[in-house]
C-alpha atoms as a PDB file:
ATOM      1  CA  MET A   1     137.706  44.826  37.714  1.00  0.00           C
ATOM      2  CA  ALA A   2     137.710  41.054  37.983  1.00  0.00           C
ATOM      3  CA  GLU A   3     140.854  39.231  38.942  1.00  0.00           C
ATOM      4  CA  GLY A   4     143.046  38.425  35.959  1.00  0.00           C
ATOM      5  CA  ILE A   5     141.502  41.135  33.777  1.00  0.00           C
ATOM      6  CA  LEU A   6     143.455  44.336  33.202  1.00  0.00           C
ATOM      7  CA  GLU A   7     141.839  47.713  32.469  1.00  0.00           C
ATOM      8  CA  VAL A   8     143.558  49.380  29.490  1.00  0.00           C
ATOM      9  CA  ASN A   9     143.038  52.759  27.821  1.00  0.00           C
ATOM     10  CA  ASP A  10     144.449  54.933  25.032  1.00  0.00           C
ATOM     11  CA  GLY A  11     147.571  55.603  27.130  1.00  0.00           C
ATOM     12  CA  SER A  12     148.392  51.987  28.044  1.00  0.00           C
ATOM     13  CA  PHE A  13     147.098  50.221  24.919  1.00  0.00           C
ATOM     14  CA  GLU A  14     150.387  50.048  23.042  1.00  0.00           C
ATOM     15  CA  SER A  15     152.480  48.751  25.955  1.00  0.00           C
ATOM     16  CA  GLU A  16     149.849  46.356  27.385  1.00  0.00           C
ATOM     17  CA  VAL A  17     148.291  45.047  24.150  1.00  0.00           C
ATOM     18  CA  LEU A  18     150.408  45.687  21.059  1.00  0.00           C
ATOM     19  CA  LYS A  19     153.732  44.887  22.769  1.00  0.00           C
ATOM     20  CA  ALA A  20     152.447  41.989  24.902  1.00  0.00           C
ATOM     21  CA  ASP A  21     154.477  38.775  24.901  1.00  0.00           C
ATOM     22  CA  LYS A  22     151.355  36.606  24.442  1.00  0.00           C
ATOM     23  CA  PRO A  23     147.996  36.945  22.683  1.00  0.00           C
ATOM     24  CA  VAL A  24     145.642  39.554  24.149  1.00  0.00           C
ATOM     25  CA  LEU A  25     141.845  39.695  24.228  1.00  0.00           C
ATOM     26  CA  VAL A  26     140.544  43.256  24.381  1.00  0.00           C
ATOM     27  CA  ASP A  27     136.911  43.635  25.462  1.00  0.00           C
ATOM     28  CA  PHE A  28     135.726  47.029  24.177  1.00  0.00           C
ATOM     29  CA  TRP A  29     132.783  47.988  26.425  1.00  0.00           C
ATOM     30  CA  ALA A  30     130.945  50.820  28.197  1.00  0.00           C
ATOM     31  CA  PRO A  31     129.210  50.959  31.605  1.00  0.00           C
ATOM     32  CA  TRP A  32     125.787  51.717  30.044  1.00  0.00           C
ATOM     33  CA  CYS A  33     125.901  48.742  27.632  1.00  0.00           C
ATOM     34  CA  GLY A  34     123.584  45.864  28.648  1.00  0.00           C
ATOM     35  CA  PRO A  35     125.152  43.162  26.421  1.00  0.00           C
ATOM     36  CA  CYS A  36     128.604  44.235  27.724  1.00  0.00           C
ATOM     37  CA  LYS A  37     127.449  43.519  31.286  1.00  0.00           C
ATOM     38  CA  ALA A  38     125.916  40.219  30.155  1.00  0.00           C
ATOM     39  CA  ILE A  39     129.120  38.951  28.518  1.00  0.00           C
ATOM     40  CA  ALA A  40     131.412  40.091  31.378  1.00  0.00           C
ATOM     41  CA  PRO A  41     130.934  36.960  33.581  1.00  0.00           C
ATOM     42  CA  VAL A  42     131.708  34.739  30.570  1.00  0.00           C
ATOM     43  CA  ILE A  43     134.940  36.638  29.958  1.00  0.00           C
ATOM     44  CA  GLU A  44     135.795  36.329  33.667  1.00  0.00           C
ATOM     45  CA  GLU A  45     135.338  32.539  33.453  1.00  0.00           C
ATOM     46  CA  LEU A  46     137.579  32.395  30.391  1.00  0.00           C
ATOM     47  CA  ALA A  47     140.195  34.570  32.104  1.00  0.00           C
ATOM     48  CA  ALA A  48     140.271  32.059  34.962  1.00  0.00           C
ATOM     49  CA  ALA A  49     140.620  29.151  32.515  1.00  0.00           C
ATOM     50  CA  PHE A  50     143.057  30.631  29.969  1.00  0.00           C
ATOM     51  CA  GLY A  51     144.769  33.368  32.006  1.00  0.00           C
ATOM     52  CA  GLY A  52     148.228  31.849  31.746  1.00  0.00           C
ATOM     53  CA  LYS A  53     148.121  31.615  27.948  1.00  0.00           C
ATOM     54  CA  ILE A  54     146.294  34.775  26.937  1.00  0.00           C
ATOM     55  CA  LYS A  55     146.087  38.239  28.473  1.00  0.00           C
ATOM     56  CA  PHE A  56     142.544  39.506  29.177  1.00  0.00           C
ATOM     57  CA  THR A  57     141.849  43.242  29.092  1.00  0.00           C
ATOM     58  CA  LYS A  58     138.847  45.579  29.175  1.00  0.00           C
ATOM     59  CA  PHE A  59     138.743  48.891  27.325  1.00  0.00           C
ATOM     60  CA  ASN A  60     136.116  51.514  28.278  1.00  0.00           C
ATOM     61  CA  VAL A  61     135.219  53.215  24.960  1.00  0.00           C
ATOM     62  CA  ASP A  62     133.644  56.209  26.742  1.00  0.00           C
ATOM     63  CA  GLU A  63     136.845  57.071  28.636  1.00  0.00           C
ATOM     64  CA  SER A  64     139.259  56.541  25.726  1.00  0.00           C
ATOM     65  CA  PRO A  65     137.754  57.115  22.250  1.00  0.00           C
ATOM     66  CA  ILE A  66     140.973  57.201  20.163  1.00  0.00           C
ATOM     67  CA  THR A  67     141.865  53.489  20.081  1.00  0.00           C
ATOM     68  CA  PRO A  68     138.305  52.255  19.322  1.00  0.00           C
ATOM     69  CA  GLY A  69     138.242  54.753  16.428  1.00  0.00           C
ATOM     70  CA  LYS A  70     141.497  53.328  15.038  1.00  0.00           C
ATOM     71  CA  TYR A  71     140.037  49.820  15.017  1.00  0.00           C
ATOM     72  CA  GLY A  72     136.652  50.859  13.597  1.00  0.00           C
ATOM     73  CA  ILE A  73     134.649  49.896  16.682  1.00  0.00           C
ATOM     74  CA  ARG A  74     131.043  50.804  15.851  1.00  0.00           C
ATOM     75  CA  ALA A  75     129.161  48.490  18.220  1.00  0.00           C
ATOM     76  CA  ILE A  76     129.895  47.098  21.667  1.00  0.00           C
ATOM     77  CA  PRO A  77     130.714  44.699  23.046  1.00  0.00           C
ATOM     78  CA  THR A  78     133.440  44.115  20.492  1.00  0.00           C
ATOM     79  CA  LEU A  79     136.145  41.607  21.399  1.00  0.00           C
ATOM     80  CA  ILE A  80     139.385  41.830  19.455  1.00  0.00           C
ATOM     81  CA  PHE A  81     142.132  39.243  19.747  1.00  0.00           C
ATOM     82  CA  PHE A  82     145.625  40.610  19.173  1.00  0.00           C
ATOM     83  CA  LYS A  83     148.647  38.461  18.441  1.00  0.00           C
ATOM     84  CA  GLU A  84     152.109  39.996  18.030  1.00  0.00           C
ATOM     85  CA  GLY A  85     150.534  43.461  17.813  1.00  0.00           C
ATOM     86  CA  LYS A  86     148.109  42.598  15.007  1.00  0.00           C
ATOM     87  CA  VAL A  87     144.384  41.818  14.945  1.00  0.00           C
ATOM     88  CA  ALA A  88     144.029  38.020  14.849  1.00  0.00           C
ATOM     89  CA  ASP A  89     140.256  37.717  15.305  1.00  0.00           C
ATOM     90  CA  GLN A  90     137.241  39.883  16.120  1.00  0.00           C
ATOM     91  CA  ILE A  91     133.788  39.198  17.557  1.00  0.00           C
ATOM     92  CA  THR A  92     131.008  41.775  17.853  1.00  0.00           C
ATOM     93  CA  GLY A  93     128.003  41.384  20.095  1.00  0.00           C
ATOM     94  CA  MET A  94     126.879  38.821  22.631  1.00  0.00           C
ATOM     95  CA  VAL A  95     128.066  35.341  21.675  1.00  0.00           C
ATOM     96  CA  ALA A  96     128.161  31.919  23.293  1.00  0.00           C
ATOM     97  CA  LYS A  97     131.076  30.953  25.511  1.00  0.00           C
ATOM     98  CA  SER A  98     131.924  28.139  23.056  1.00  0.00           C
ATOM     99  CA  LYS A  99     132.406  30.712  20.262  1.00  0.00           C
ATOM    100  CA  LEU A 100     134.814  32.677  22.454  1.00  0.00           C
ATOM    101  CA  GLU A 101     136.727  29.507  23.352  1.00  0.00           C
ATOM    102  CA  GLU A 102     136.991  28.685  19.643  1.00  0.00           C
ATOM    103  CA  SER A 103     138.522  32.110  18.945  1.00  0.00           C
ATOM    104  CA  ILE A 104     140.916  31.799  21.910  1.00  0.00           C
ATOM    105  CA  ASN A 105     142.125  28.417  20.687  1.00  0.00           C
ATOM    106  CA  LYS A 106     142.608  29.872  17.208  1.00  0.00           C
ATOM    107  CA  VAL A 107     145.004  32.580  18.429  1.00  0.00           C
ATOM    108  CA  LEU A 108     146.980  30.384  20.829  1.00  0.00           C
END
């Protein structure tokens, strides 16, 4: 896992994401997903740039299926921004870095 990005799962989701003291980006992904691998370096760059203001996490949907089911994740990568325990924004699929920055700035 890249520096500044925390791996979360069904067991740690509530404490690390829903109860976080700042906005959280959750990257729902799987090891076999090509677009997930393609977007990972972009998320790592954003984690380096915005790490102090927003918490970056990755959630492997294959290892923990309960949480993705709760949030209706049907395609990956799906990025969900949480603020104060609620969904603030959601992006599905491979998108430009500028689109991700726009969403980050929206939830800050």
